[in-house]
Structure formats: C-alpha cells, structure tokens
Amino acid sequence: MSVVLPVLRALPLSTEAFAPFGTLLNQPACAPSLERGDITFWNSTADLSGLAGSGVTGHLIAHRRELTLTRIERHLHTPEAFIASAGRSLMVVGAPGEVDPQQLCAFEISAGQAVLLRPGAWHWAPYPLSEAATFLLILRAETSEHDIEMRDVPAHRLEPPAHEGSSSHGPSP
C-alpha cells in the first residue's frame, strides 16, 4: 500500500510573498543611500531591532578600482559584519586604537565568506578583484550618521595573495 504525500509547491521568492514570514534580504530596488564611485550603498534595508538593539542590514556593491588605499574608517560603538554574496575582493583592516598604517592587513574575501569587525577596527570599503563584489552588511542603525571616523593614510598599493599553483616570481623566461 503506497501513501500519497500532499504536495507543497515552491513559490517564487519575492518581498510580498515572503512578508508574512519575515524580510527578504535582496539588494534593494530603490535608489541607494550613497554612491561614491568606489561603492554603491543602501543603508537600513532591514530592521534587526528584534535582536534587542538597533541593528539593521545594509547592502554594499564595491566597484572595481585601482588597488591603492588612501583612506580608512572606523566605528567606535558598533561591530560591523560584511557577508560576501558575489565576487572576490581585498579588505583592508587595522586593529582598534590609533591607526597605524604600518600594521594594516589586507585579506581576500570571496562569495560565501563573512567577517565581523570589532568596534573600533579600522577598515575601508573592499577592493574588488572581480568587476564588482556584493555584500550584505549588519550594523547598528545609527552608524552611518553618528559613528563614523575617517582618516587619510599614506598611499599603500594592495597586492592580491598568490594562489596555490601560481608563481609569485613572475613569468618564466
């Protein structure tokens, strides 16, 4: 005797269809909060205050540009998560405290990876190694307006890591 199971058909995922259950975290269709040339950013795209705070999500598209760091920023009162959803990029970070350009580090971040910056950690918008890199951000709601400190730093050229199987010594003669 075979049992006939009821069918549960999948629906197309949309903001409206998912609204009774939560918030769809796709890139917004509205105008961005900031377009700076190196980035396109949408602030406060979803409310996370249900986590007992003032958290929000944001969406960031980092656009390909010269791999030269000249500025850095930090947020003293908030952690900030960068969740990579597309592309590969380099992210420059520095320890909390006074910025020390000699102690900055760059890490490659690929789609599917994420980092959570501590409050006060220095960073700048990721530098894509692909045409663009897309991130979902998680941060406090008031960060963009009231918790951002930027500093100029001596120019640094960023160099992507050598991947396994590639030569770091340049082309063969």
Protein backbone atom coordinates (compact mmCIF):
# COMPACT_ATOMS: atom_id res chain seq x y z
CA MET A 1 0.00 0.00 0.00
CA SER A 2 1.59 3.29 -1.05
CA VAL A 3 0.99 6.51 0.81
CA VAL A 4 0.22 9.59 -1.24
CA LEU A 5 2.00 12.58 0.22
CA PRO A 6 0.49 16.04 -0.04
CA VAL A 7 2.32 18.36 -2.44
CA LEU A 8 3.94 21.56 -1.22
CA ARG A 9 4.73 23.67 -4.26
CA ALA A 10 7.55 26.21 -4.06
CA LEU A 11 6.59 29.82 -4.71
CA PRO A 12 8.76 32.40 -6.45
CA LEU A 13 10.64 34.33 -3.76
CA SER A 14 9.52 37.97 -3.61
CA THR A 15 9.25 40.67 -0.95
CA GLU A 16 5.47 40.44 -0.98
CA ALA A 17 5.23 36.65 -0.88
CA PHE A 18 7.73 36.37 1.98
CA ALA A 19 6.38 39.33 4.04
CA PRO A 20 4.12 37.24 6.35
CA PHE A 21 7.18 35.22 7.42
CA GLY A 22 9.98 37.78 7.51
CA THR A 23 12.05 40.11 5.36
CA LEU A 24 13.64 39.29 2.02
CA LEU A 25 17.26 40.50 2.12
CA ASN A 26 17.83 41.01 -1.62
CA GLN A 27 19.59 44.05 -3.00
CA PRO A 28 17.03 46.87 -2.85
CA ALA A 29 15.34 48.15 -6.00
CA CYS A 30 15.20 51.72 -4.63
CA ALA A 31 17.83 54.44 -5.04
CA PRO A 32 20.98 53.87 -2.93
CA SER A 33 21.76 55.92 0.18
CA LEU A 34 25.27 56.66 -1.10
CA GLU A 35 27.01 56.49 -4.47
CA ARG A 36 30.68 57.41 -4.15
CA GLY A 37 32.26 55.95 -7.29
CA ASP A 38 34.03 53.15 -5.42
CA ILE A 39 30.82 51.94 -3.76
CA THR A 40 27.06 51.92 -4.04
CA PHE A 41 25.44 51.55 -0.60
CA TRP A 42 21.91 51.09 0.70
CA ASN A 43 21.58 51.78 4.44
CA SER A 44 18.92 50.31 6.75
CA THR A 45 17.48 47.77 4.33
CA ALA A 46 16.03 45.57 7.09
CA ASP A 47 15.31 46.19 10.77
CA LEU A 48 17.09 43.88 13.22
CA SER A 49 15.96 45.68 16.40
CA GLY A 50 14.22 42.46 17.44
CA LEU A 51 17.71 41.29 18.42
CA ALA A 52 17.42 43.63 21.47
CA GLY A 53 19.26 46.54 19.90
CA SER A 54 19.22 48.91 16.97
CA GLY A 55 20.61 46.62 14.30
CA VAL A 56 19.96 46.96 10.59
CA THR A 57 21.19 45.42 7.39
CA GLY A 58 22.71 47.31 4.51
CA HIS A 59 23.74 46.32 1.02
CA LEU A 60 27.09 47.25 -0.50
CA ILE A 61 28.37 46.89 -4.03
CA ALA A 62 32.09 47.58 -4.20
CA HIS A 63 33.16 48.60 -7.70
CA ARG A 64 36.49 47.65 -9.27
CA ARG A 65 39.09 50.39 -8.94
CA GLU A 66 42.80 50.94 -8.53
CA LEU A 67 44.20 48.80 -5.69
CA THR A 68 45.53 51.79 -3.74
CA LEU A 69 44.48 52.56 -0.17
CA THR A 70 44.48 56.25 0.83
CA ARG A 71 41.68 56.41 3.44
CA ILE A 72 40.44 54.31 6.34
CA GLU A 73 37.44 54.47 8.68
CA ARG A 74 36.19 53.02 11.94
CA HIS A 75 33.01 52.84 14.03
CA LEU A 76 33.76 53.15 17.75
CA HIS A 77 30.41 51.87 19.04
CA THR A 78 29.39 49.10 16.70
CA PRO A 79 30.59 45.83 15.28
CA GLU A 80 30.02 45.54 11.54
CA ALA A 81 29.55 42.33 9.57
CA PHE A 82 30.45 42.05 5.87
CA ILE A 83 28.83 38.96 4.30
CA ALA A 84 30.13 38.45 0.75
CA SER A 85 27.46 37.25 -1.67
CA ALA A 86 29.22 37.79 -5.02
CA GLY A 87 32.73 38.43 -6.32
CA ARG A 88 36.21 38.42 -4.80
CA SER A 89 37.78 41.37 -3.05
CA LEU A 90 40.51 42.58 -0.75
CA MET A 91 39.52 44.09 2.57
CA VAL A 92 41.96 46.27 4.48
CA VAL A 93 41.70 46.18 8.27
CA GLY A 94 43.57 47.58 11.24
CA ALA A 95 43.35 46.96 14.98
CA PRO A 96 41.26 49.23 17.22
CA GLY A 97 43.15 52.17 18.73
CA GLU A 98 45.13 54.81 16.89
CA VAL A 99 45.51 53.94 13.23
CA ASP A 100 48.98 52.60 12.44
CA PRO A 101 49.46 52.41 8.66
CA GLN A 102 52.42 50.03 9.17
CA GLN A 103 50.16 47.50 10.93
CA LEU A 104 47.30 47.36 8.39
CA CYS A 105 46.43 43.97 6.87
CA ALA A 106 44.61 43.04 3.67
CA PHE A 107 42.57 39.84 3.35
CA GLU A 108 40.92 38.27 0.33
CA ILE A 109 37.19 37.67 0.83
CA SER A 110 35.17 35.57 -1.63
CA ALA A 111 31.44 34.95 -2.05
CA GLY A 112 30.22 32.76 0.79
CA GLN A 113 32.69 34.19 3.32
CA ALA A 114 31.96 36.77 6.00
CA VAL A 115 33.82 38.85 8.57
CA LEU A 116 32.64 40.60 11.73
CA LEU A 117 34.69 43.67 12.60
CA ARG A 118 35.08 44.64 16.25
CA PRO A 119 34.01 48.10 17.36
CA GLY A 120 36.88 50.47 16.62
CA ALA A 121 38.51 48.24 13.96
CA TRP A 122 39.84 50.29 11.06
CA HIS A 123 38.69 49.31 7.55
CA TRP A 124 37.73 50.62 4.15
CA ALA A 125 35.27 49.50 1.50
CA PRO A 126 36.50 46.25 -0.07
CA TYR A 127 38.57 46.45 -3.27
CA PRO A 128 37.08 44.03 -5.82
CA LEU A 129 39.36 41.67 -7.71
CA SER A 130 36.35 40.83 -9.91
CA GLU A 131 34.33 43.58 -11.67
CA ALA A 132 32.29 44.10 -8.50
CA ALA A 133 31.81 42.49 -5.11
CA THR A 134 28.48 42.47 -3.30
CA PHE A 135 27.99 42.35 0.47
CA LEU A 136 25.16 42.18 2.96
CA LEU A 137 26.14 44.33 5.97
CA ILE A 138 24.91 44.08 9.54
CA LEU A 139 25.47 47.09 11.79
CA ARG A 140 23.79 49.45 14.25
CA ALA A 141 21.13 51.73 12.75
CA GLU A 142 22.87 54.94 13.81
CA THR A 143 26.33 54.01 12.49
CA SER A 144 26.21 55.90 9.17
CA GLU A 145 25.01 59.11 10.80
CA HIS A 146 26.71 59.19 14.21
CA ASP A 147 29.53 56.64 14.44
CA ILE A 148 31.98 57.06 11.61
CA GLU A 149 35.50 58.42 11.76
CA MET A 150 37.60 58.65 8.59
CA ARG A 151 41.33 59.29 8.27
CA ASP A 152 43.69 59.77 5.35
CA VAL A 153 46.65 57.36 5.38
CA PRO A 154 49.83 57.27 3.30
CA ALA A 155 49.07 55.55 0.00
CA HIS A 156 49.55 51.78 0.01
CA ARG A 157 49.40 49.55 -3.09
CA LEU A 158 47.37 46.42 -2.37
CA GLU A 159 48.58 43.11 -3.73
CA PRO A 160 46.30 40.07 -4.03
CA PRO A 161 47.60 36.87 -2.43
CA ALA A 162 49.40 34.33 -4.60
CA HIS A 163 47.09 31.33 -5.02
CA GLU A 164 48.27 27.72 -4.93
CA GLY A 165 49.59 26.67 -8.29
CA SER A 166 50.57 30.23 -9.25
CA SER A 167 54.07 31.56 -9.20
CA SER A 168 54.88 34.58 -7.08
CA HIS A 169 58.11 35.09 -9.03
CA GLY A 170 56.51 36.34 -12.25
CA PRO A 171 56.59 34.73 -15.68
CA SER A 172 59.21 32.17 -16.62
CA PRO A 173 61.96 33.31 -19.03
